[in-house]
């Protein structure tokens, strides 16, 4: 699961499309969230380690930097969330989740399946 700052960093990155940590920090600041550059860089590295963002190196003044972009966040996040439900609640959690999915109208269920990459 993502923490609130991780979610905010990811949302800022999605808004930007592709950006270095400095631009992500500026976007957060414009939204009223003051965070140190090093904190944003650390969060982006953690999101990369979780497979939620992709990065590439680029030359810049003074050396190199990473430029980040959001990966297939939704599918990966939802899959991790489902695994967490199973790990935390076992069979009872799966039964409850199935009951909740059964309450969705067919359009919502199709959309959920599409987002999860299921047939």
PDB file of N, CA and C in Angstrom:
ATOM      1  N   UNK A   1       0.832  -1.172   0.000  1.00  0.00           N
ATOM      2  CA  UNK A   1       0.000   0.000   0.000  1.00  0.00           C
ATOM      3  C   UNK A   1       0.884   1.245   0.000  1.00  0.00           C
ATOM      4  N   UNK A   2       0.317   2.319  -0.463  1.00  0.00           N
ATOM      5  CA  UNK A   2       1.068   3.565  -0.546  1.00  0.00           C
ATOM      6  C   UNK A   2       0.724   4.487   0.612  1.00  0.00           C
ATOM      7  N   UNK A   3       1.748   5.184   1.099  1.00  0.00           N
ATOM      8  CA  UNK A   3       1.534   6.212   2.098  1.00  0.00           C
ATOM      9  C   UNK A   3       0.996   7.464   1.428  1.00  0.00           C
ATOM     10  N   UNK A   4       0.566   8.425   2.227  1.00  0.00           N
ATOM     11  CA  UNK A   4      -0.026   9.638   1.653  1.00  0.00           C
ATOM     12  C   UNK A   4       0.974  10.437   0.819  1.00  0.00           C
ATOM     13  N   UNK A   5       2.214  10.547   1.282  1.00  0.00           N
ATOM     14  CA  UNK A   5       3.208  11.291   0.514  1.00  0.00           C
ATOM     15  C   UNK A   5       3.549  10.547  -0.778  1.00  0.00           C
ATOM     16  N   UNK A   6       3.656   9.226  -0.702  1.00  0.00           N
ATOM     17  CA  UNK A   6       3.911   8.457  -1.927  1.00  0.00           C
ATOM     18  C   UNK A   6       2.789   8.684  -2.937  1.00  0.00           C
ATOM     19  N   UNK A   7       1.562   8.695  -2.467  1.00  0.00           N
ATOM     20  CA  UNK A   7       0.416   8.926  -3.355  1.00  0.00           C
ATOM     21  C   UNK A   7       0.473  10.314  -3.980  1.00  0.00           C
ATOM     22  N   UNK A   8       0.846  11.303  -3.185  1.00  0.00           N
ATOM     23  CA  UNK A   8       0.944  12.675  -3.696  1.00  0.00           C
ATOM     24  C   UNK A   8       2.062  12.797  -4.733  1.00  0.00           C
ATOM     25  N   UNK A   9       3.197  12.175  -4.459  1.00  0.00           N
ATOM     26  CA  UNK A   9       4.321  12.202  -5.406  1.00  0.00           C
ATOM     27  C   UNK A   9       3.909  11.525  -6.704  1.00  0.00           C
ATOM     28  N   UNK A  10       3.250  10.398  -6.610  1.00  0.00           N
ATOM     29  CA  UNK A  10       2.808   9.670  -7.793  1.00  0.00           C
ATOM     30  C   UNK A  10       1.798  10.485  -8.593  1.00  0.00           C
ATOM     31  N   UNK A  11       0.870  11.143  -7.905  1.00  0.00           N
ATOM     32  CA  UNK A  11      -0.116  11.983  -8.590  1.00  0.00           C
ATOM     33  C   UNK A  11       0.565  13.148  -9.302  1.00  0.00           C
ATOM     34  N   UNK A  12       1.542  13.754  -8.656  1.00  0.00           N
ATOM     35  CA  UNK A  12       2.277  14.860  -9.287  1.00  0.00           C
ATOM     36  C   UNK A  12       3.020  14.364 -10.518  1.00  0.00           C
ATOM     37  N   UNK A  13       3.621  13.202 -10.418  1.00  0.00           N
ATOM     38  CA  UNK A  13       4.359  12.643 -11.555  1.00  0.00           C
ATOM     39  C   UNK A  13       3.412  12.319 -12.700  1.00  0.00           C
ATOM     40  N   UNK A  14       2.260  11.774 -12.390  1.00  0.00           N
ATOM     41  CA  UNK A  14       1.287  11.470 -13.447  1.00  0.00           C
ATOM     42  C   UNK A  14       0.849  12.749 -14.141  1.00  0.00           C
ATOM     43  N   UNK A  15       0.683  13.818 -13.378  1.00  0.00           N
ATOM     44  CA  UNK A  15       0.307  15.111 -13.961  1.00  0.00           C
ATOM     45  C   UNK A  15       1.394  15.601 -14.916  1.00  0.00           C
ATOM     46  N   UNK A  16       2.636  15.421 -14.525  1.00  0.00           N
ATOM     47  CA  UNK A  16       3.756  15.907 -15.329  1.00  0.00           C
ATOM     48  C   UNK A  16       4.067  14.995 -16.514  1.00  0.00           C
ATOM     49  N   UNK A  17       3.722  13.744 -16.417  1.00  0.00           N
ATOM     50  CA  UNK A  17       4.043  12.792 -17.476  1.00  0.00           C
ATOM     51  C   UNK A  17       5.403  12.174 -17.266  1.00  0.00           C
ATOM     52  N   UNK A  18       6.423  12.983 -17.370  1.00  0.00           N
ATOM     53  CA  UNK A  18       7.807  12.550 -17.157  1.00  0.00           C
ATOM     54  C   UNK A  18       8.569  13.736 -16.585  1.00  0.00           C
ATOM     55  N   UNK A  19       9.344  13.490 -15.522  1.00  0.00           N
ATOM     56  CA  UNK A  19      10.012  14.622 -14.881  1.00  0.00           C
ATOM     57  C   UNK A  19      11.092  14.150 -13.919  1.00  0.00           C
ATOM     58  N   UNK A  20      12.103  14.990 -13.697  1.00  0.00           N
ATOM     59  CA  UNK A  20      13.076  14.716 -12.635  1.00  0.00           C
ATOM     60  C   UNK A  20      12.469  15.067 -11.274  1.00  0.00           C
ATOM     61  N   UNK A  21      13.115  14.639 -10.221  1.00  0.00           N
ATOM     62  CA  UNK A  21      12.623  14.854  -8.855  1.00  0.00           C
ATOM     63  C   UNK A  21      12.385  16.336  -8.574  1.00  0.00           C
ATOM     64  N   UNK A  22      13.238  17.196  -9.077  1.00  0.00           N
ATOM     65  CA  UNK A  22      13.107  18.636  -8.825  1.00  0.00           C
ATOM     66  C   UNK A  22      11.760  19.169  -9.320  1.00  0.00           C
ATOM     67  N   UNK A  23      11.335  18.747 -10.502  1.00  0.00           N
ATOM     68  CA  UNK A  23      10.055  19.219 -11.050  1.00  0.00           C
ATOM     69  C   UNK A  23       8.869  18.636 -10.277  1.00  0.00           C
ATOM     70  N   UNK A  24       9.019  17.398  -9.815  1.00  0.00           N
ATOM     71  CA  UNK A  24       7.970  16.793  -8.999  1.00  0.00           C
ATOM     72  C   UNK A  24       7.819  17.587  -7.704  1.00  0.00           C
ATOM     73  N   UNK A  25       8.949  17.950  -7.085  1.00  0.00           N
ATOM     74  CA  UNK A  25       8.909  18.742  -5.862  1.00  0.00           C
ATOM     75  C   UNK A  25       8.223  20.084  -6.102  1.00  0.00           C
ATOM     76  N   UNK A  26       8.520  20.729  -7.214  1.00  0.00           N
ATOM     77  CA  UNK A  26       7.894  22.020  -7.532  1.00  0.00           C
ATOM     78  C   UNK A  26       6.387  21.877  -7.706  1.00  0.00           C
ATOM     79  N   UNK A  27       5.967  20.794  -8.324  1.00  0.00           N
ATOM     80  CA  UNK A  27       4.532  20.546  -8.500  1.00  0.00           C
ATOM     81  C   UNK A  27       3.855  20.338  -7.148  1.00  0.00           C
ATOM     82  N   UNK A  28       4.497  19.588  -6.267  1.00  0.00           N
ATOM     83  CA  UNK A  28       3.953  19.403  -4.922  1.00  0.00           C
ATOM     84  C   UNK A  28       3.848  20.731  -4.194  1.00  0.00           C
ATOM     85  N   UNK A  29       4.855  21.577  -4.343  1.00  0.00           N
ATOM     86  CA  UNK A  29       4.853  22.884  -3.683  1.00  0.00           C
ATOM     87  C   UNK A  29       3.712  23.755  -4.202  1.00  0.00           C
ATOM     88  N   UNK A  30       3.474  23.719  -5.513  1.00  0.00           N
ATOM     89  CA  UNK A  30       2.356  24.490  -6.081  1.00  0.00           C
ATOM     90  C   UNK A  30       1.022  24.006  -5.519  1.00  0.00           C
ATOM     91  N   UNK A  31       0.964  22.743  -5.148  1.00  0.00           N
ATOM     92  CA  UNK A  31      -0.257  22.175  -4.565  1.00  0.00           C
ATOM     93  C   UNK A  31      -0.349  22.427  -3.062  1.00  0.00           C
ATOM     94  N   UNK A  32       0.641  23.127  -2.507  1.00  0.00           N
ATOM     95  CA  UNK A  32       0.618  23.449  -1.089  1.00  0.00           C
ATOM     96  C   UNK A  32       1.343  22.460  -0.198  1.00  0.00           C
ATOM     97  N   UNK A  33       2.056  21.535  -0.783  1.00  0.00           N
ATOM     98  CA  UNK A  33       2.793  20.520  -0.005  1.00  0.00           C
ATOM     99  C   UNK A  33       4.277  20.837  -0.086  1.00  0.00           C
ATOM    100  N   UNK A  34       4.855  21.330   1.019  1.00  0.00           N
ATOM    101  CA  UNK A  34       6.275  21.673   1.051  1.00  0.00           C
ATOM    102  C   UNK A  34       7.059  20.459   1.513  1.00  0.00           C
ATOM    103  N   UNK A  35       7.933  19.979   0.633  1.00  0.00           N
ATOM    104  CA  UNK A  35       8.736  18.789   0.907  1.00  0.00           C
ATOM    105  C   UNK A  35      10.149  19.047   0.394  1.00  0.00           C
ATOM    106  N   UNK A  36      11.127  18.561   1.109  1.00  0.00           N
ATOM    107  CA  UNK A  36      12.516  18.720   0.694  1.00  0.00           C
ATOM    108  C   UNK A  36      12.784  17.914  -0.579  1.00  0.00           C
ATOM    109  N   UNK A  37      13.695  18.418  -1.389  1.00  0.00           N
ATOM    110  CA  UNK A  37      14.088  17.722  -2.614  1.00  0.00           C
ATOM    111  C   UNK A  37      14.540  16.301  -2.313  1.00  0.00           C
ATOM    112  N   UNK A  38      15.344  16.132  -1.265  1.00  0.00           N
ATOM    113  CA  UNK A  38      15.869  14.799  -0.942  1.00  0.00           C
ATOM    114  C   UNK A  38      14.750  13.834  -0.569  1.00  0.00           C
ATOM    115  N   UNK A  39      13.703  14.344   0.053  1.00  0.00           N
ATOM    116  CA  UNK A  39      12.555  13.503   0.400  1.00  0.00           C
ATOM    117  C   UNK A  39      11.850  13.027  -0.854  1.00  0.00           C
ATOM    118  N   UNK A  40      11.639  13.930  -1.803  1.00  0.00           N
ATOM    119  CA  UNK A  40      10.987  13.564  -3.063  1.00  0.00           C
ATOM    120  C   UNK A  40      11.839  12.549  -3.814  1.00  0.00           C
ATOM    121  N   UNK A  41      13.151  12.770  -3.869  1.00  0.00           N
ATOM    122  CA  UNK A  41      14.046  11.833  -4.554  1.00  0.00           C
ATOM    123  C   UNK A  41      13.994  10.448  -3.905  1.00  0.00           C
ATOM    124  N   UNK A  42      13.943  10.414  -2.586  1.00  0.00           N
ATOM    125  CA  UNK A  42      13.851   9.141  -1.867  1.00  0.00           C
ATOM    126  C   UNK A  42      12.535   8.439  -2.168  1.00  0.00           C
ATOM    127  N   UNK A  43      11.447   9.178  -2.143  1.00  0.00           N
ATOM    128  CA  UNK A  43      10.127   8.596  -2.433  1.00  0.00           C
ATOM    129  C   UNK A  43      10.097   8.045  -3.850  1.00  0.00           C
ATOM    130  N   UNK A  44      10.645   8.788  -4.798  1.00  0.00           N
ATOM    131  CA  UNK A  44      10.675   8.311  -6.182  1.00  0.00           C
ATOM    132  C   UNK A  44      11.510   7.040  -6.310  1.00  0.00           C
ATOM    133  N   UNK A  45      12.610   6.972  -5.606  1.00  0.00           N
ATOM    134  CA  UNK A  45      13.435   5.754  -5.614  1.00  0.00           C
ATOM    135  C   UNK A  45      12.662   4.567  -5.035  1.00  0.00           C
ATOM    136  N   UNK A  46      11.921   4.814  -3.976  1.00  0.00           N
ATOM    137  CA  UNK A  46      11.116   3.742  -3.375  1.00  0.00           C
ATOM    138  C   UNK A  46      10.004   3.297  -4.310  1.00  0.00           C
ATOM    139  N   UNK A  47       9.364   4.251  -4.971  1.00  0.00           N
ATOM    140  CA  UNK A  47       8.320   3.904  -5.929  1.00  0.00           C
ATOM    141  C   UNK A  47       8.906   3.111  -7.103  1.00  0.00           C
ATOM    142  N   UNK A  48      10.120   3.453  -7.477  1.00  0.00           N
ATOM    143  CA  UNK A  48      10.801   2.697  -8.530  1.00  0.00           C
ATOM    144  C   UNK A  48      11.072   1.272  -8.064  1.00  0.00           C
ATOM    145  N   UNK A  49      11.544   1.125  -6.842  1.00  0.00           N
ATOM    146  CA  UNK A  49      11.823  -0.207  -6.285  1.00  0.00           C
ATOM    147  C   UNK A  49      10.547  -1.051  -6.200  1.00  0.00           C
ATOM    148  N   UNK A  50       9.409  -0.406  -5.981  1.00  0.00           N
ATOM    149  CA  UNK A  50       8.128  -1.109  -5.927  1.00  0.00           C
ATOM    150  C   UNK A  50       7.577  -1.408  -7.316  1.00  0.00           C
ATOM    151  N   UNK A  51       8.248  -0.885  -8.350  1.00  0.00           N
ATOM    152  CA  UNK A  51       7.797  -1.111  -9.715  1.00  0.00           C
ATOM    153  C   UNK A  51       6.676  -0.197 -10.154  1.00  0.00           C
ATOM    154  N   UNK A  52       6.427   0.873  -9.403  1.00  0.00           N
ATOM    155  CA  UNK A  52       5.327   1.772  -9.728  1.00  0.00           C
ATOM    156  C   UNK A  52       5.735   2.928 -10.627  1.00  0.00           C
ATOM    157  N   UNK A  53       7.031   3.221 -10.689  1.00  0.00           N
ATOM    158  CA  UNK A  53       7.524   4.239 -11.619  1.00  0.00           C
ATOM    159  C   UNK A  53       8.723   3.673 -12.381  1.00  0.00           C
ATOM    160  N   UNK A  54       8.917   4.213 -13.541  1.00  0.00           N
ATOM    161  CA  UNK A  54      10.076   3.851 -14.362  1.00  0.00           C
ATOM    162  C   UNK A  54      11.004   5.055 -14.366  1.00  0.00           C
ATOM    163  N   UNK A  55      12.283   4.811 -14.629  1.00  0.00           N
ATOM    164  CA  UNK A  55      13.209   5.933 -14.675  1.00  0.00           C
ATOM    165  C   UNK A  55      14.271   5.682 -15.735  1.00  0.00           C
ATOM    166  N   UNK A  56      14.842   6.778 -16.199  1.00  0.00           N
ATOM    167  CA  UNK A  56      15.964   6.723 -17.135  1.00  0.00           C
ATOM    168  C   UNK A  56      16.954   7.795 -16.722  1.00  0.00           C
ATOM    169  N   UNK A  57      18.202   7.553 -17.057  1.00  0.00           N
ATOM    170  CA  UNK A  57      19.239   8.552 -16.765  1.00  0.00           C
ATOM    171  C   UNK A  57      19.308   9.557 -17.896  1.00  0.00           C
ATOM    172  N   UNK A  58      19.623  10.775 -17.517  1.00  0.00           N
ATOM    173  CA  UNK A  58      19.822  11.805 -18.530  1.00  0.00           C
ATOM    174  C   UNK A  58      20.942  12.723 -18.055  1.00  0.00           C
ATOM    175  N   UNK A  59      21.705  13.207 -18.996  1.00  0.00           N
ATOM    176  CA  UNK A  59      22.768  14.159 -18.673  1.00  0.00           C
ATOM    177  C   UNK A  59      22.146  15.501 -18.340  1.00  0.00           C
ATOM    178  N   UNK A  60      22.730  16.153 -17.380  1.00  0.00           N
ATOM    179  CA  UNK A  60      22.273  17.488 -17.025  1.00  0.00           C
ATOM    180  C   UNK A  60      23.487  18.284 -16.566  1.00  0.00           C
ATOM    181  N   UNK A  61      23.270  19.552 -16.328  1.00  0.00           N
ATOM    182  CA  UNK A  61      24.338  20.400 -15.832  1.00  0.00           C
ATOM    183  C   UNK A  61      24.873  19.819 -14.531  1.00  0.00           C
ATOM    184  N   UNK A  62      26.126  19.512 -14.495  1.00  0.00           N
ATOM    185  CA  UNK A  62      26.729  18.991 -13.282  1.00  0.00           C
ATOM    186  C   UNK A  62      26.770  17.474 -13.208  1.00  0.00           C
ATOM    187  N   UNK A  63      26.291  16.773 -14.227  1.00  0.00           N
ATOM    188  CA  UNK A  63      26.362  15.314 -14.186  1.00  0.00           C
ATOM    189  C   UNK A  63      25.164  14.630 -14.805  1.00  0.00           C
ATOM    190  N   UNK A  64      24.578  13.719 -14.040  1.00  0.00           N
ATOM    191  CA  UNK A  64      23.421  12.970 -14.515  1.00  0.00           C
ATOM    192  C   UNK A  64      22.312  13.027 -13.476  1.00  0.00           C
ATOM    193  N   UNK A  65      21.111  12.750 -13.932  1.00  0.00           N
ATOM    194  CA  UNK A  65      19.967  12.671 -13.033  1.00  0.00           C
ATOM    195  C   UNK A  65      19.004  11.639 -13.594  1.00  0.00           C
ATOM    196  N   UNK A  66      18.080  11.219 -12.742  1.00  0.00           N
ATOM    197  CA  UNK A  66      17.009  10.334 -13.188  1.00  0.00           C
ATOM    198  C   UNK A  66      15.814  11.177 -13.605  1.00  0.00           C
ATOM    199  N   UNK A  67      15.171  10.717 -14.665  1.00  0.00           N
ATOM    200  CA  UNK A  67      13.899  11.288 -15.089  1.00  0.00           C
ATOM    201  C   UNK A  67      12.877  10.166 -14.918  1.00  0.00           C
ATOM    202  N   UNK A  68      11.815  10.451 -14.187  1.00  0.00           N
ATOM    203  CA  UNK A  68      10.825   9.445 -13.819  1.00  0.00           C
ATOM    204  C   UNK A  68       9.546   9.592 -14.624  1.00  0.00           C
ATOM    205  N   UNK A  69       8.834   8.463 -14.762  1.00  0.00           N
ATOM    206  CA  UNK A  69       7.482   8.469 -15.316  1.00  0.00           C
ATOM    207  C   UNK A  69       6.710   7.343 -14.639  1.00  0.00           C
ATOM    208  N   UNK A  70       5.427   7.549 -14.516  1.00  0.00           N
ATOM    209  CA  UNK A  70       4.587   6.540 -13.866  1.00  0.00           C
ATOM    210  C   UNK A  70       4.512   5.299 -14.744  1.00  0.00           C
ATOM    211  N   UNK A  71       4.592   4.144 -14.116  1.00  0.00           N
ATOM    212  CA  UNK A  71       4.440   2.885 -14.830  1.00  0.00           C
ATOM    213  C   UNK A  71       2.970   2.513 -14.863  1.00  0.00           C
ATOM    214  N   UNK A  72       2.703   1.242 -15.028  1.00  0.00           N
ATOM    215  CA  UNK A  72       1.324   0.754 -15.021  1.00  0.00           C
ATOM    216  C   UNK A  72       0.894   0.649 -13.563  1.00  0.00           C
ATOM    217  N   UNK A  73       0.720   1.778 -12.967  1.00  0.00           N
ATOM    218  CA  UNK A  73       0.510   1.888 -11.531  1.00  0.00           C
ATOM    219  C   UNK A  73      -0.770   1.200 -11.078  1.00  0.00           C
ATOM    220  N   UNK A  74      -1.832   1.504 -11.743  1.00  0.00           N
ATOM    221  CA  UNK A  74      -3.122   1.023 -11.272  1.00  0.00           C
ATOM    222  C   UNK A  74      -3.169  -0.501 -11.210  1.00  0.00           C
ATOM    223  N   UNK A  75      -2.779  -1.162 -12.281  1.00  0.00           N
ATOM    224  CA  UNK A  75      -2.847  -2.620 -12.305  1.00  0.00           C
ATOM    225  C   UNK A  75      -1.932  -3.236 -11.248  1.00  0.00           C
ATOM    226  N   UNK A  76      -0.721  -2.725 -11.158  1.00  0.00           N
ATOM    227  CA  UNK A  76       0.230  -3.255 -10.184  1.00  0.00           C
ATOM    228  C   UNK A  76      -0.251  -2.994  -8.752  1.00  0.00           C
ATOM    229  N   UNK A  77      -0.759  -1.790  -8.508  1.00  0.00           N
ATOM    230  CA  UNK A  77      -1.236  -1.445  -7.174  1.00  0.00           C
ATOM    231  C   UNK A  77      -2.432  -2.314  -6.777  1.00  0.00           C
ATOM    232  N   UNK A  78      -3.384  -2.474  -7.687  1.00  0.00           N
ATOM    233  CA  UNK A  78      -4.550  -3.288  -7.386  1.00  0.00           C
ATOM    234  C   UNK A  78      -4.175  -4.746  -7.157  1.00  0.00           C
ATOM    235  N   UNK A  79      -3.242  -5.262  -7.944  1.00  0.00           N
ATOM    236  CA  UNK A  79      -2.792  -6.643  -7.750  1.00  0.00           C
ATOM    237  C   UNK A  79      -2.137  -6.797  -6.375  1.00  0.00           C
ATOM    238  N   UNK A  80      -1.308  -5.826  -5.980  1.00  0.00           N
ATOM    239  CA  UNK A  80      -0.675  -5.865  -4.649  1.00  0.00           C
ATOM    240  C   UNK A  80      -1.724  -5.764  -3.545  1.00  0.00           C
ATOM    241  N   UNK A  81      -2.737  -4.952  -3.779  1.00  0.00           N
ATOM    242  CA  UNK A  81      -3.803  -4.799  -2.799  1.00  0.00           C
ATOM    243  C   UNK A  81      -4.558  -6.116  -2.616  1.00  0.00           C
ATOM    244  N   UNK A  82      -4.825  -6.791  -3.725  1.00  0.00           N
ATOM    245  CA  UNK A  82      -5.510  -8.081  -3.637  1.00  0.00           C
ATOM    246  C   UNK A  82      -4.667  -9.104  -2.886  1.00  0.00           C
ATOM    247  N   UNK A  83      -3.370  -9.123  -3.149  1.00  0.00           N
ATOM    248  CA  UNK A  83      -2.478 -10.039  -2.420  1.00  0.00           C
ATOM    249  C   UNK A  83      -2.481  -9.707  -0.927  1.00  0.00           C
ATOM    250  N   UNK A  84      -2.550  -8.428  -0.608  1.00  0.00           N
ATOM    251  CA  UNK A  84      -2.590  -8.020   0.795  1.00  0.00           C
ATOM    252  C   UNK A  84      -3.865  -8.504   1.479  1.00  0.00           C
ATOM    253  N   UNK A  85      -4.985  -8.437   0.770  1.00  0.00           N
ATOM    254  CA  UNK A  85      -6.252  -8.926   1.328  1.00  0.00           C
ATOM    255  C   UNK A  85      -6.127 -10.407   1.656  1.00  0.00           C
ATOM    256  N   UNK A  86      -5.564 -11.168   0.723  1.00  0.00           N
ATOM    257  CA  UNK A  86      -5.396 -12.604   0.945  1.00  0.00           C
ATOM    258  C   UNK A  86      -4.453 -12.857   2.119  1.00  0.00           C
ATOM    259  N   UNK A  87      -3.338 -12.136   2.163  1.00  0.00           N
ATOM    260  CA  UNK A  87      -2.357 -12.341   3.234  1.00  0.00           C
ATOM    261  C   UNK A  87      -2.922 -11.954   4.601  1.00  0.00           C
ATOM    262  N   UNK A  88      -3.684 -10.876   4.654  1.00  0.00           N
ATOM    263  CA  UNK A  88      -4.177 -10.381   5.933  1.00  0.00           C
ATOM    264  C   UNK A  88      -5.416 -11.123   6.432  1.00  0.00           C
ATOM    265  N   UNK A  89      -6.309 -11.484   5.503  1.00  0.00           N
ATOM    266  CA  UNK A  89      -7.600 -12.012   5.925  1.00  0.00           C
ATOM    267  C   UNK A  89      -7.858 -13.453   5.492  1.00  0.00           C
ATOM    268  N   UNK A  90      -6.965 -14.009   4.686  1.00  0.00           N
ATOM    269  CA  UNK A  90      -7.126 -15.392   4.259  1.00  0.00           C
ATOM    270  C   UNK A  90      -8.395 -15.613   3.457  1.00  0.00           C
ATOM    271  N   UNK A  91      -8.939 -16.811   3.570  1.00  0.00           N
ATOM    272  CA  UNK A  91     -10.115 -17.205   2.797  1.00  0.00           C
ATOM    273  C   UNK A  91     -11.322 -16.320   3.081  1.00  0.00           C
ATOM    274  N   UNK A  92     -11.481 -15.902   4.335  1.00  0.00           N
ATOM    275  CA  UNK A  92     -12.621 -15.049   4.694  1.00  0.00           C
ATOM    276  C   UNK A  92     -12.560 -13.717   3.937  1.00  0.00           C
ATOM    277  N   UNK A  93     -11.367 -13.177   3.791  1.00  0.00           N
ATOM    278  CA  UNK A  93     -11.196 -11.929   3.040  1.00  0.00           C
ATOM    279  C   UNK A  93     -11.549 -12.103   1.580  1.00  0.00           C
ATOM    280  N   UNK A  94     -11.163 -13.223   1.002  1.00  0.00           N
ATOM    281  CA  UNK A  94     -11.465 -13.499  -0.404  1.00  0.00           C
ATOM    282  C   UNK A  94     -12.974 -13.654  -0.594  1.00  0.00           C
ATOM    283  N   UNK A  95     -13.624 -14.363   0.332  1.00  0.00           N
ATOM    284  CA  UNK A  95     -15.082 -14.542   0.259  1.00  0.00           C
ATOM    285  C   UNK A  95     -15.774 -13.186   0.340  1.00  0.00           C
ATOM    286  N   UNK A  96     -15.357 -12.351   1.290  1.00  0.00           N
ATOM    287  CA  UNK A  96     -15.966 -11.029   1.437  1.00  0.00           C
ATOM    288  C   UNK A  96     -15.733 -10.180   0.182  1.00  0.00           C
ATOM    289  N   UNK A  97     -14.526 -10.216  -0.344  1.00  0.00           N
ATOM    290  CA  UNK A  97     -14.227  -9.456  -1.558  1.00  0.00           C
ATOM    291  C   UNK A  97     -15.112  -9.921  -2.715  1.00  0.00           C
ATOM    292  N   UNK A  98     -15.284 -11.225  -2.870  1.00  0.00           N
ATOM    293  CA  UNK A  98     -16.162 -11.747  -3.922  1.00  0.00           C
ATOM    294  C   UNK A  98     -17.600 -11.297  -3.730  1.00  0.00           C
ATOM    295  N   UNK A  99     -18.042 -11.263  -2.485  1.00  0.00           N
ATOM    296  CA  UNK A  99     -19.405 -10.791  -2.195  1.00  0.00           C
ATOM    297  C   UNK A  99     -19.573  -9.330  -2.597  1.00  0.00           C
ATOM    298  N   UNK A 100     -18.552  -8.532  -2.301  1.00  0.00           N
ATOM    299  CA  UNK A 100     -18.613  -7.105  -2.661  1.00  0.00           C
ATOM    300  C   UNK A 100     -18.580  -6.918  -4.179  1.00  0.00           C
ATOM    301  N   UNK A 101     -17.771  -7.689  -4.859  1.00  0.00           N
ATOM    302  CA  UNK A 101     -17.709  -7.603  -6.326  1.00  0.00           C
ATOM    303  C   UNK A 101     -19.046  -8.007  -6.934  1.00  0.00           C
ATOM    304  N   UNK A 102     -19.702  -9.016  -6.345  1.00  0.00           N
ATOM    305  CA  UNK A 102     -21.001  -9.470  -6.844  1.00  0.00           C
ATOM    306  C   UNK A 102     -22.064  -8.367  -6.746  1.00  0.00           C
ATOM    307  N   UNK A 103     -21.859  -7.398  -5.862  1.00  0.00           N
ATOM    308  CA  UNK A 103     -22.814  -6.300  -5.695  1.00  0.00           C
ATOM    309  C   UNK A 103     -22.656  -5.224  -6.777  1.00  0.00           C
ATOM    310  N   UNK A 104     -21.546  -5.252  -7.506  1.00  0.00           N
ATOM    311  CA  UNK A 104     -21.310  -4.254  -8.547  1.00  0.00           C
ATOM    312  C   UNK A 104     -22.254  -4.483  -9.719  1.00  0.00           C
ATOM    313  N   UNK A 105     -22.615  -3.399 -10.383  1.00  0.00           N
ATOM    314  CA  UNK A 105     -23.395  -3.616 -11.598  1.00  0.00           C
ATOM    315  C   UNK A 105     -22.442  -4.119 -12.686  1.00  0.00           C
ATOM    316  N   UNK A 106     -22.957  -4.745 -13.735  1.00  0.00           N
ATOM    317  CA  UNK A 106     -22.089  -5.379 -14.755  1.00  0.00           C
ATOM    318  C   UNK A 106     -21.056  -4.437 -15.378  1.00  0.00           C
ATOM    319  N   UNK A 107     -21.426  -3.183 -15.554  1.00  0.00           N
ATOM    320  CA  UNK A 107     -20.483  -2.220 -16.141  1.00  0.00           C
ATOM    321  C   UNK A 107     -19.308  -1.975 -15.204  1.00  0.00           C
ATOM    322  N   UNK A 108     -19.591  -1.813 -13.923  1.00  0.00           N
ATOM    323  CA  UNK A 108     -18.524  -1.609 -12.937  1.00  0.00           C
ATOM    324  C   UNK A 108     -17.633  -2.841 -12.828  1.00  0.00           C
ATOM    325  N   UNK A 109     -18.238  -4.011 -12.872  1.00  0.00           N
ATOM    326  CA  UNK A 109     -17.455  -5.244 -12.784  1.00  0.00           C
ATOM    327  C   UNK A 109     -16.531  -5.388 -13.997  1.00  0.00           C
ATOM    328  N   UNK A 110     -17.040  -5.099 -15.186  1.00  0.00           N
ATOM    329  CA  UNK A 110     -16.202  -5.164 -16.396  1.00  0.00           C
ATOM    330  C   UNK A 110     -15.033  -4.194 -16.305  1.00  0.00           C
ATOM    331  N   UNK A 111     -15.313  -2.986 -15.799  1.00  0.00           N
ATOM    332  CA  UNK A 111     -14.272  -1.974 -15.652  1.00  0.00           C
ATOM    333  C   UNK A 111     -13.209  -2.429 -14.650  1.00  0.00           C
ATOM    334  N   UNK A 112     -13.638  -3.016 -13.543  1.00  0.00           N
ATOM    335  CA  UNK A 112     -12.700  -3.526 -12.547  1.00  0.00           C
ATOM    336  C   UNK A 112     -11.838  -4.632 -13.156  1.00  0.00           C
ATOM    337  N   UNK A 113     -12.454  -5.551 -13.878  1.00  0.00           N
ATOM    338  CA  UNK A 113     -11.710  -6.630 -14.526  1.00  0.00           C
ATOM    339  C   UNK A 113     -10.704  -6.074 -15.538  1.00  0.00           C
ATOM    340  N   UNK A 114     -11.137  -5.059 -16.292  1.00  0.00           N
ATOM    341  CA  UNK A 114     -10.231  -4.444 -17.270  1.00  0.00           C
ATOM    342  C   UNK A 114      -9.034  -3.833 -16.568  1.00  0.00           C
ATOM    343  N   UNK A 115      -9.285  -3.116 -15.469  1.00  0.00           N
ATOM    344  CA  UNK A 115      -8.206  -2.464 -14.734  1.00  0.00           C
ATOM    345  C   UNK A 115      -7.233  -3.469 -14.135  1.00  0.00           C
ATOM    346  N   UNK A 116      -7.746  -4.642 -13.763  1.00  0.00           N
ATOM    347  CA  UNK A 116      -6.897  -5.676 -13.194  1.00  0.00           C
ATOM    348  C   UNK A 116      -6.215  -6.525 -14.259  1.00  0.00           C
ATOM    349  N   UNK A 117      -6.589  -6.316 -15.519  1.00  0.00           N
ATOM    350  CA  UNK A 117      -6.018  -7.103 -16.606  1.00  0.00           C
ATOM    351  C   UNK A 117      -6.579  -8.517 -16.660  1.00  0.00           C
ATOM    352  N   UNK A 118      -7.818  -8.674 -16.177  1.00  0.00           N
ATOM    353  CA  UNK A 118      -8.471  -9.989 -16.162  1.00  0.00           C
ATOM    354  C   UNK A 118      -9.430 -10.097 -17.334  1.00  0.00           C
ATOM    355  N   UNK A 119      -9.716 -11.330 -17.765  1.00  0.00           N
ATOM    356  CA  UNK A 119     -10.677 -11.512 -18.884  1.00  0.00           C
ATOM    357  C   UNK A 119     -12.099 -11.193 -18.480  1.00  0.00           C
TER     358      UNK A 119
END
